[in-house]
Amino acid sequence: MEETNKIQMRKRNMKLFPAYKAFSWDYLFFYTVNFLFLTQIKNINAADVVLIDSFYYLFTMFSQIPATFIIEFLGRKNSIILGNILNCTYILVVLFSNNLFNLIIAEMLSATAFAIKESAEPSLLNESIPPSKWKSKIFAKISQKGASRYYIINAITKIVAGILYEVNPYIPLLLSLFVLILVTTMSILFIEPVKKRKKKKVKSVGQLKEIGKAFQFVLKSERVKSLILFAAVMKGILSIVSNYEISMLEDLEVPSSYLGILFAILGVIAGMASKRQEKMHNRLRNKTLSVVGFSIVFTCIFSGIFGVITKEYQIGILFIMIAYIVKYAFEGMYEPLMEKYMSNFTNEEIDTKIFTANNFLKGIAGAVSGILAAFLLDRMETAYCMVIIGILFGILMLLVCKFMKSRVGLKPEEYAKEEVKYDKMKETL
């Protein structure tokens, strides 16, 4: 009977996850118009909007340990439900906010939601896939399927949001809230993959020690440290560029309806590219992340240079579009690849802790990067900011990739025993 329930759980979760991720990975109907909504409707300065993102990442950092306790206490499924409810609340606060303080509270809610979701969701999928030598590929395939669908849906919603924003700026946010309510309903359909320990109340001190032990492994593991450092650098540049891209086009006086169409097309490109992540991994192996990272850095620098040129020569905007296309293609491949690499050699004892440690350092990187981005944007045009950020992160990327070179992308037998001690495959041997 227990085995039958486990099979049913695996089937349900693996089948539902791509559809769930397609609608829940991030806020639909929201991005692109959110920058315009805050600057034009709420009258928030562009530099302050970028700074608000720093509060998001700061709260993300402080939310990681509580998020781990929440997941341990509620389980993966219920934690995901809670995260989605918090996201619904976030949109409501943004809708009714009338000052910077309200928006900071909103960012706290969103950060807590994603701190929970970004650890619980991949962990739920990871624990729903039966142990086998194909587990990593199955995880990547399911995650990629959800990501590619998200990019397509996100593209459509961006076009619609851009058009509806011209009609009434509040409509896209109301639609975003509706989707989040739908997502919350979908998350209720998951089946919890990890049974709680037999009614044995785990004391807070004992639980804290268990988490501490897991974090010791993360700190000792050269492979995990390398991946987390790389993810932090990527989070830093991607979080900055996501706002700078829109800000630069706004500087160039591109209408909001055109922005919706443009970023919709870029979303489709990212979705199509995400389907090729496995081919890229097979071709480049341990060079995959380096190629992705440097490609995104170079597109940041080039789009900034062409942003300056466009002021004099309109043809420059064509090259900005090409740079954006390349950036979104690599970003589309990056997300499922990183989730796959992070989930390798893990089981239910360690996976949420690795995702939590990853999100913690990404929170620090996002907060510091956001403060730097706001500082620069308050003093110069966006195009110049793009060039400076690209150069700075290019240096960081070079250092991190050098550190990763002998630590990531090895065969299982080439890693030290400590590195793969949580490998779930061992349980089947």
Protein backbone atom coordinates (compact mmCIF):
# COMPACT_ATOMS: atom_id res chain seq x y z
CA MET A 1 0.00 0.00 0.00
CA GLU A 2 2.82 2.36 0.94
CA GLU A 3 4.61 1.60 -2.33
CA THR A 4 1.40 2.28 -4.28
CA ASN A 5 1.03 5.68 -2.59
CA LYS A 6 4.65 6.51 -3.38
CA ILE A 7 4.14 5.67 -7.06
CA GLN A 8 0.97 7.79 -7.13
CA MET A 9 2.86 10.66 -5.48
CA ARG A 10 5.70 10.48 -8.03
CA LYS A 11 3.30 10.39 -10.98
CA ARG A 12 1.18 13.29 -9.68
CA ASN A 13 4.08 15.58 -8.76
CA MET A 14 6.18 14.91 -11.87
CA LYS A 15 3.18 15.47 -14.12
CA LEU A 16 1.93 18.60 -12.34
CA PHE A 17 5.29 20.30 -11.78
CA PRO A 18 5.91 21.63 -15.35
CA ALA A 19 2.43 23.18 -15.53
CA TYR A 20 2.80 24.61 -12.03
CA LYS A 21 6.23 26.09 -12.78
CA ALA A 22 4.96 27.60 -16.02
CA PHE A 23 2.59 29.83 -14.05
CA SER A 24 4.43 30.19 -10.74
CA TRP A 25 8.12 30.69 -11.55
CA ASP A 26 7.73 34.46 -11.31
CA TYR A 27 5.02 37.12 -11.47
CA LEU A 28 3.13 37.05 -14.77
CA PHE A 29 1.63 40.28 -16.22
CA PHE A 30 3.97 42.13 -13.85
CA TYR A 31 7.52 42.61 -15.09
CA THR A 32 8.30 45.37 -17.61
CA VAL A 33 5.17 47.31 -16.56
CA ASN A 34 6.14 47.14 -12.86
CA PHE A 35 9.05 49.55 -13.45
CA LEU A 36 6.75 51.91 -15.35
CA PHE A 37 3.99 51.53 -12.73
CA LEU A 38 6.30 52.50 -9.87
CA THR A 39 7.99 55.40 -11.69
CA GLN A 40 4.95 56.81 -13.53
CA ILE A 41 1.95 55.97 -11.29
CA LYS A 42 3.53 55.79 -7.83
CA ASN A 43 6.03 58.56 -8.68
CA ILE A 44 9.05 56.63 -7.36
CA ASN A 45 12.45 57.75 -8.65
CA ALA A 46 14.11 55.21 -11.04
CA ALA A 47 17.17 54.94 -8.76
CA ASP A 48 14.85 54.26 -5.79
CA VAL A 49 13.09 51.50 -7.73
CA VAL A 50 16.46 49.81 -8.24
CA LEU A 51 17.24 50.39 -4.55
CA ILE A 52 13.94 48.73 -3.56
CA ASP A 53 15.27 45.59 -5.24
CA SER A 54 18.19 45.72 -2.78
CA PHE A 55 15.72 45.49 0.07
CA TYR A 56 14.24 42.43 -1.64
CA TYR A 57 17.62 40.69 -1.70
CA LEU A 58 18.44 41.84 1.82
CA PHE A 59 15.19 40.31 3.08
CA THR A 60 15.90 37.20 0.97
CA MET A 61 19.19 36.77 2.82
CA PHE A 62 17.59 37.03 6.27
CA SER A 63 14.65 34.81 5.26
CA GLN A 64 16.75 31.74 4.42
CA ILE A 65 17.15 30.21 7.90
CA PRO A 66 13.47 30.81 8.86
CA ALA A 67 12.52 29.39 5.45
CA THR A 68 14.44 26.20 6.25
CA PHE A 69 12.61 25.83 9.57
CA ILE A 70 9.27 26.48 7.84
CA ILE A 71 9.97 23.77 5.25
CA GLU A 72 11.12 21.31 7.93
CA PHE A 73 8.01 22.05 10.01
CA LEU A 74 5.32 22.36 7.33
CA GLY A 75 6.79 20.05 4.70
CA ARG A 76 7.53 20.92 1.09
CA LYS A 77 3.95 21.05 -0.21
CA ASN A 78 2.51 23.24 2.56
CA SER A 79 5.53 25.54 2.40
CA ILE A 80 4.93 26.09 -1.32
CA ILE A 81 1.27 26.92 -0.60
CA LEU A 82 2.36 29.43 2.06
CA GLY A 83 4.87 31.01 -0.35
CA ASN A 84 2.17 31.50 -2.97
CA ILE A 85 -0.20 33.09 -0.44
CA LEU A 86 2.55 35.55 0.52
CA ASN A 87 3.01 36.39 -3.17
CA CYS A 88 -0.70 37.20 -3.46
CA THR A 89 -0.31 39.54 -0.48
CA TYR A 90 2.72 41.16 -2.15
CA ILE A 91 0.70 42.20 -5.22
CA LEU A 92 -2.07 43.60 -3.01
CA VAL A 93 0.41 45.75 -1.07
CA VAL A 94 1.96 47.08 -4.31
CA LEU A 95 -1.49 47.90 -5.66
CA PHE A 96 -2.47 49.93 -2.60
CA SER A 97 0.94 51.35 -1.67
CA ASN A 98 1.33 55.11 -1.52
CA ASN A 99 4.92 55.51 -0.31
CA LEU A 100 8.37 53.93 -0.32
CA PHE A 101 7.84 52.30 3.10
CA ASN A 102 4.82 50.31 1.81
CA LEU A 103 6.90 49.05 -1.11
CA ILE A 104 9.69 47.96 1.24
CA ILE A 105 7.13 45.95 3.25
CA ALA A 106 5.95 44.44 -0.04
CA GLU A 107 9.52 43.40 -0.89
CA MET A 108 9.81 41.73 2.52
CA LEU A 109 6.72 39.63 1.75
CA SER A 110 7.98 38.73 -1.73
CA ALA A 111 11.46 37.87 -0.43
CA THR A 112 10.02 35.56 2.24
CA ALA A 113 7.77 33.92 -0.34
CA PHE A 114 10.60 33.18 -2.76
CA ALA A 115 13.01 32.17 0.02
CA ILE A 116 10.51 29.41 0.83
CA LYS A 117 9.54 28.57 -2.76
CA GLU A 118 13.08 28.51 -4.20
CA SER A 119 14.11 25.88 -1.65
CA ALA A 120 10.85 23.91 -1.39
CA GLU A 121 9.95 23.65 -5.10
CA PRO A 122 13.16 22.09 -6.48
CA SER A 123 13.34 19.93 -3.35
CA LEU A 124 9.77 18.67 -3.91
CA LEU A 125 10.61 17.77 -7.49
CA ASN A 126 13.95 16.22 -6.50
CA GLU A 127 12.29 13.97 -3.90
CA SER A 128 9.48 13.03 -6.31
CA ILE A 129 11.85 11.47 -8.87
CA PRO A 130 12.78 7.84 -8.18
CA PRO A 131 16.51 7.21 -7.55
CA SER A 132 18.36 6.10 -10.68
CA LYS A 133 21.38 7.04 -12.74
CA TRP A 134 19.00 9.07 -14.95
CA LYS A 135 17.62 11.14 -12.05
CA SER A 136 19.65 14.25 -12.89
CA LYS A 137 18.51 14.19 -16.53
CA ILE A 138 14.87 13.60 -15.54
CA PHE A 139 15.05 16.53 -13.08
CA ALA A 140 16.54 18.81 -15.75
CA LYS A 141 13.97 17.71 -18.34
CA ILE A 142 10.96 18.34 -16.07
CA SER A 143 12.36 21.65 -14.82
CA GLN A 144 13.23 22.76 -18.36
CA LYS A 145 9.74 21.86 -19.61
CA GLY A 146 8.22 24.11 -16.97
CA ALA A 147 10.74 26.89 -17.66
CA SER A 148 10.18 26.86 -21.42
CA ARG A 149 6.39 27.01 -20.93
CA TYR A 150 6.85 29.88 -18.47
CA TYR A 151 8.87 31.86 -21.01
CA ILE A 152 6.16 31.39 -23.66
CA ILE A 153 3.32 32.31 -21.27
CA ASN A 154 5.36 35.19 -19.88
CA ALA A 155 5.90 36.47 -23.44
CA ILE A 156 2.17 36.51 -24.14
CA THR A 157 1.36 38.18 -20.82
CA LYS A 158 4.00 40.86 -21.40
CA ILE A 159 2.39 41.84 -24.71
CA VAL A 160 -1.05 41.92 -23.08
CA ALA A 161 0.28 43.79 -20.02
CA GLY A 162 1.97 46.43 -22.21
CA ILE A 163 -1.25 47.08 -24.12
CA LEU A 164 -3.50 47.02 -21.03
CA TYR A 165 -1.12 49.35 -19.17
CA GLU A 166 -1.98 52.02 -21.76
CA VAL A 167 -5.70 51.45 -21.01
CA ASN A 168 -5.34 51.36 -17.20
CA PRO A 169 -2.03 50.80 -15.33
CA TYR A 170 -3.76 48.80 -12.59
CA ILE A 171 -5.18 46.09 -14.88
CA PRO A 172 -1.87 44.14 -15.38
CA LEU A 173 -1.35 43.94 -11.60
CA LEU A 174 -4.90 42.67 -11.05
CA LEU A 175 -4.31 39.99 -13.68
CA SER A 176 -1.05 39.08 -11.93
CA LEU A 177 -3.00 38.63 -8.67
CA PHE A 178 -5.54 36.40 -10.44
CA VAL A 179 -2.73 34.14 -11.77
CA LEU A 180 -1.21 33.89 -8.28
CA ILE A 181 -4.55 32.77 -6.86
CA LEU A 182 -4.67 30.10 -9.60
CA VAL A 183 -1.09 29.04 -8.75
CA THR A 184 -1.98 28.72 -5.05
CA THR A 185 -4.85 26.40 -6.03
CA MET A 186 -2.50 24.33 -8.22
CA SER A 187 0.02 23.94 -5.38
CA ILE A 188 -2.67 22.33 -3.21
CA LEU A 189 -2.75 19.43 -5.72
CA PHE A 190 0.83 18.34 -4.99
CA ILE A 191 1.40 15.32 -2.75
CA GLU A 192 4.02 15.69 0.01
CA PRO A 193 6.99 13.51 -1.09
CA VAL A 194 8.80 13.24 2.26
CA LYS A 195 7.06 11.64 5.22
CA LYS A 196 7.58 13.38 8.52
CA ARG A 197 9.50 11.47 11.13
CA LYS A 198 7.19 9.37 13.22
CA LYS A 199 5.47 11.81 15.50
CA LYS A 200 8.70 12.59 17.10
CA LYS A 201 8.77 16.25 18.00
CA VAL A 202 12.03 17.68 16.88
CA LYS A 203 13.18 20.31 19.31
CA SER A 204 14.37 23.60 17.92
CA VAL A 205 17.89 23.12 19.27
CA GLY A 206 18.17 19.66 17.69
CA GLN A 207 16.80 20.95 14.41
CA LEU A 208 19.23 23.84 14.47
CA LYS A 209 22.11 21.41 15.00
CA GLU A 210 20.90 19.33 12.08
CA ILE A 211 20.77 22.40 9.86
CA GLY A 212 24.19 23.48 11.14
CA LYS A 213 25.63 20.08 10.24
CA ALA A 214 24.22 20.36 6.73
CA PHE A 215 25.65 23.86 6.33
CA GLN A 216 29.05 22.56 7.47
CA PHE A 217 28.90 20.16 4.54
CA VAL A 218 28.04 23.03 2.19
CA LEU A 219 31.00 25.05 3.47
CA LYS A 220 33.38 22.09 3.20
CA SER A 221 32.23 20.94 -0.23
CA GLU A 222 34.42 22.58 -2.88
CA ARG A 223 31.91 21.65 -5.57
CA VAL A 224 28.90 23.19 -3.80
CA LYS A 225 30.87 26.30 -2.77
CA SER A 226 31.92 26.83 -6.39
CA LEU A 227 28.38 26.53 -7.70
CA ILE A 228 26.99 28.86 -5.02
CA LEU A 229 29.66 31.50 -5.71
CA PHE A 230 28.91 31.34 -9.43
CA ALA A 231 25.16 31.58 -8.77
CA ALA A 232 25.75 34.63 -6.57
CA VAL A 233 27.71 36.46 -9.28
CA MET A 234 25.06 35.58 -11.86
CA LYS A 235 22.28 36.73 -9.54
CA GLY A 236 24.08 40.03 -9.06
CA ILE A 237 24.42 40.88 -12.73
CA LEU A 238 21.01 39.50 -13.78
CA SER A 239 19.17 41.41 -11.03
CA ILE A 240 20.83 44.67 -12.10
CA VAL A 241 20.41 44.18 -15.83
CA SER A 242 16.71 43.27 -15.54
CA ASN A 243 16.02 46.85 -14.38
CA TYR A 244 18.71 48.56 -16.46
CA GLU A 245 17.34 47.05 -19.68
CA ILE A 246 13.96 48.70 -19.21
CA SER A 247 15.47 51.91 -17.83
CA MET A 248 17.75 52.27 -20.86
CA LEU A 249 14.89 51.80 -23.32
CA GLU A 250 12.82 54.27 -21.31
CA ASP A 251 15.75 56.73 -21.64
CA LEU A 252 15.55 56.13 -25.39
CA GLU A 253 11.78 56.93 -25.23
CA VAL A 254 10.51 53.52 -26.35
CA PRO A 255 6.68 53.35 -25.68
CA SER A 256 5.41 50.88 -23.05
CA SER A 257 3.34 48.93 -25.60
CA TYR A 258 6.52 48.36 -27.66
CA LEU A 259 8.39 47.33 -24.53
CA GLY A 260 5.75 44.67 -23.87
CA ILE A 261 6.13 43.24 -27.38
CA LEU A 262 9.94 43.41 -27.26
CA PHE A 263 10.29 41.62 -23.93
CA ALA A 264 7.64 39.12 -25.01
CA ILE A 265 9.80 38.17 -27.99
CA LEU A 266 12.84 37.95 -25.72
CA GLY A 267 10.85 35.69 -23.40
CA VAL A 268 10.03 33.35 -26.30
CA ILE A 269 13.71 33.24 -27.23
CA ALA A 270 14.62 32.37 -23.62
CA GLY A 271 11.97 29.62 -23.60
CA MET A 272 13.25 28.12 -26.84
CA ALA A 273 16.83 28.31 -25.58
CA SER A 274 15.95 26.57 -22.30
CA LYS A 275 15.04 23.45 -24.32
CA ARG A 276 18.63 23.29 -25.56
CA GLN A 277 20.29 23.34 -22.14
CA GLU A 278 20.97 19.58 -22.20
CA LYS A 279 22.59 19.78 -25.64
CA MET A 280 24.72 22.67 -24.49
CA HIS A 281 25.76 20.75 -21.37
CA ASN A 282 26.67 17.67 -23.42
CA ARG A 283 28.75 19.78 -25.79
CA LEU A 284 30.59 22.00 -23.32
CA ARG A 285 30.55 19.88 -20.13
CA ASN A 286 32.49 21.64 -17.35
CA LYS A 287 32.88 24.78 -19.48
CA THR A 288 29.12 25.30 -19.74
CA LEU A 289 28.69 27.73 -16.85
CA SER A 290 31.78 29.75 -17.86
CA VAL A 291 30.44 30.22 -21.40
CA VAL A 292 27.01 31.24 -20.09
CA GLY A 293 28.47 33.65 -17.54
CA PHE A 294 30.88 35.46 -19.86
CA SER A 295 28.26 35.65 -22.63
CA ILE A 296 25.88 37.51 -20.32
CA VAL A 297 28.67 39.82 -19.12
CA PHE A 298 29.63 40.72 -22.70
CA THR A 299 26.01 41.42 -23.70
CA CYS A 300 25.75 43.82 -20.75
CA ILE A 301 28.84 45.74 -21.89
CA PHE A 302 27.86 45.80 -25.56
CA SER A 303 24.25 46.87 -24.94
CA GLY A 304 25.58 49.75 -22.81
CA ILE A 305 28.00 50.84 -25.54
CA PHE A 306 25.28 50.75 -28.17
CA GLY A 307 22.95 52.59 -25.78
CA VAL A 308 25.42 55.49 -25.87
CA ILE A 309 25.73 55.27 -29.67
CA THR A 310 21.95 55.26 -30.15
CA LYS A 311 21.77 58.82 -28.79
CA GLU A 312 23.52 59.92 -31.99
CA TYR A 313 22.77 57.10 -34.42
CA GLN A 314 19.38 55.33 -34.26
CA ILE A 315 20.87 52.20 -35.89
CA GLY A 316 22.46 51.50 -32.50
CA ILE A 317 19.12 50.27 -31.13
CA LEU A 318 19.30 47.31 -33.53
CA PHE A 319 22.55 46.19 -31.88
CA ILE A 320 20.99 46.65 -28.44
CA MET A 321 18.26 44.23 -29.52
CA ILE A 322 20.85 41.71 -30.73
CA ALA A 323 22.67 41.97 -27.38
CA TYR A 324 19.38 41.45 -25.51
CA ILE A 325 18.54 38.41 -27.66
CA VAL A 326 21.89 36.76 -26.88
CA LYS A 327 21.54 37.57 -23.18
CA TYR A 328 18.02 36.09 -22.92
CA ALA A 329 19.04 32.96 -24.83
CA PHE A 330 21.85 32.21 -22.37
CA GLU A 331 19.72 33.17 -19.38
CA GLY A 332 17.04 30.73 -20.57
CA MET A 333 19.59 27.90 -20.56
CA TYR A 334 21.20 28.96 -17.29
CA GLU A 335 18.27 28.53 -14.87
CA PRO A 336 17.46 24.82 -15.51
CA LEU A 337 21.18 24.02 -15.76
CA MET A 338 21.91 25.53 -12.34
CA GLU A 339 18.96 23.75 -10.70
CA LYS A 340 20.23 20.50 -12.18
CA TYR A 341 23.80 21.01 -10.97
CA MET A 342 22.62 22.01 -7.49
CA SER A 343 20.43 18.90 -7.13
CA ASN A 344 23.18 16.45 -8.18
CA PHE A 345 24.42 14.09 -5.42
CA THR A 346 21.67 15.14 -2.98
CA ASN A 347 18.90 13.51 -0.96
CA GLU A 348 16.08 14.79 1.28
CA GLU A 349 18.53 15.30 4.14
CA ILE A 350 20.62 17.91 2.34
CA ASP A 351 18.83 19.29 -0.73
CA THR A 352 16.79 22.04 0.97
CA LYS A 353 19.89 23.15 2.88
CA ILE A 354 21.92 23.46 -0.32
CA PHE A 355 19.14 25.47 -1.98
CA THR A 356 18.88 27.60 1.18
CA ALA A 357 22.63 28.29 1.31
CA ASN A 358 22.51 29.14 -2.38
CA ASN A 359 19.62 31.56 -1.90
CA PHE A 360 21.32 33.10 1.14
CA LEU A 361 24.46 34.04 -0.78
CA LYS A 362 22.38 35.14 -3.79
CA GLY A 363 20.48 37.42 -1.41
CA ILE A 364 23.72 39.06 -0.29
CA ALA A 365 24.88 39.40 -3.90
CA GLY A 366 21.54 40.86 -5.00
CA ALA A 367 21.44 43.37 -2.12
CA VAL A 368 25.01 44.62 -2.65
CA SER A 369 24.53 44.72 -6.43
CA GLY A 370 21.26 46.63 -6.08
CA ILE A 371 22.85 49.30 -3.87
CA LEU A 372 25.71 49.67 -6.37
CA ALA A 373 23.26 49.80 -9.31
CA ALA A 374 21.13 52.48 -7.62
CA PHE A 375 24.26 54.51 -6.72
CA LEU A 376 25.41 54.50 -10.36
CA LEU A 377 21.96 55.18 -11.83
CA ASP A 378 21.54 58.21 -9.59
CA ARG A 379 24.70 59.73 -11.07
CA MET A 380 24.77 58.82 -14.76
CA GLU A 381 22.70 57.55 -17.69
CA THR A 382 21.70 53.89 -17.78
CA ALA A 383 23.87 53.08 -20.81
CA TYR A 384 27.05 54.13 -18.98
CA CYS A 385 25.93 52.18 -15.92
CA MET A 386 25.57 49.05 -18.09
CA VAL A 387 29.17 49.32 -19.29
CA ILE A 388 30.56 49.81 -15.78
CA ILE A 389 28.52 46.94 -14.32
CA GLY A 390 29.56 44.66 -17.20
CA ILE A 391 33.25 45.33 -16.60
CA LEU A 392 33.00 44.87 -12.82
CA PHE A 393 31.11 41.59 -13.12
CA GLY A 394 33.45 40.45 -15.89
CA ILE A 395 36.31 40.61 -13.38
CA LEU A 396 34.26 38.76 -10.75
CA MET A 397 33.23 36.12 -13.30
CA LEU A 398 36.88 35.55 -14.26
CA LEU A 399 37.87 34.95 -10.61
CA VAL A 400 34.94 32.63 -9.89
CA CYS A 401 35.42 30.57 -13.07
CA LYS A 402 39.10 30.15 -12.22
CA PHE A 403 38.08 28.88 -8.76
CA MET A 404 35.51 26.49 -10.30
CA LYS A 405 37.81 25.00 -12.93
CA SER A 406 39.04 21.97 -10.94
CA ARG A 407 36.00 21.67 -8.65
CA VAL A 408 32.90 21.40 -10.86
CA GLY A 409 31.96 19.13 -13.76
CA LEU A 410 33.96 16.07 -12.68
CA LYS A 411 32.73 12.49 -12.97
CA PRO A 412 31.18 11.06 -9.75
CA GLU A 413 34.18 8.81 -9.11
CA GLU A 414 36.55 11.79 -9.41
CA TYR A 415 35.01 13.58 -6.43
CA ALA A 416 36.15 12.99 -2.86
CA LYS A 417 33.84 10.71 -0.81
CA GLU A 418 32.78 13.69 1.31
CA GLU A 419 31.49 15.49 -1.82
CA VAL A 420 29.06 12.71 -2.78
CA LYS A 421 28.12 11.31 0.64
CA TYR A 422 24.49 12.42 0.21
CA ASP A 423 24.20 10.86 -3.25
CA LYS A 424 20.79 9.16 -3.25
CA MET A 425 22.02 6.62 -5.79
CA LYS A 426 23.96 4.93 -2.97
CA GLU A 427 20.67 4.02 -1.34
CA THR A 428 19.73 1.87 -4.33
CA LEU A 429 23.03 -0.04 -4.52
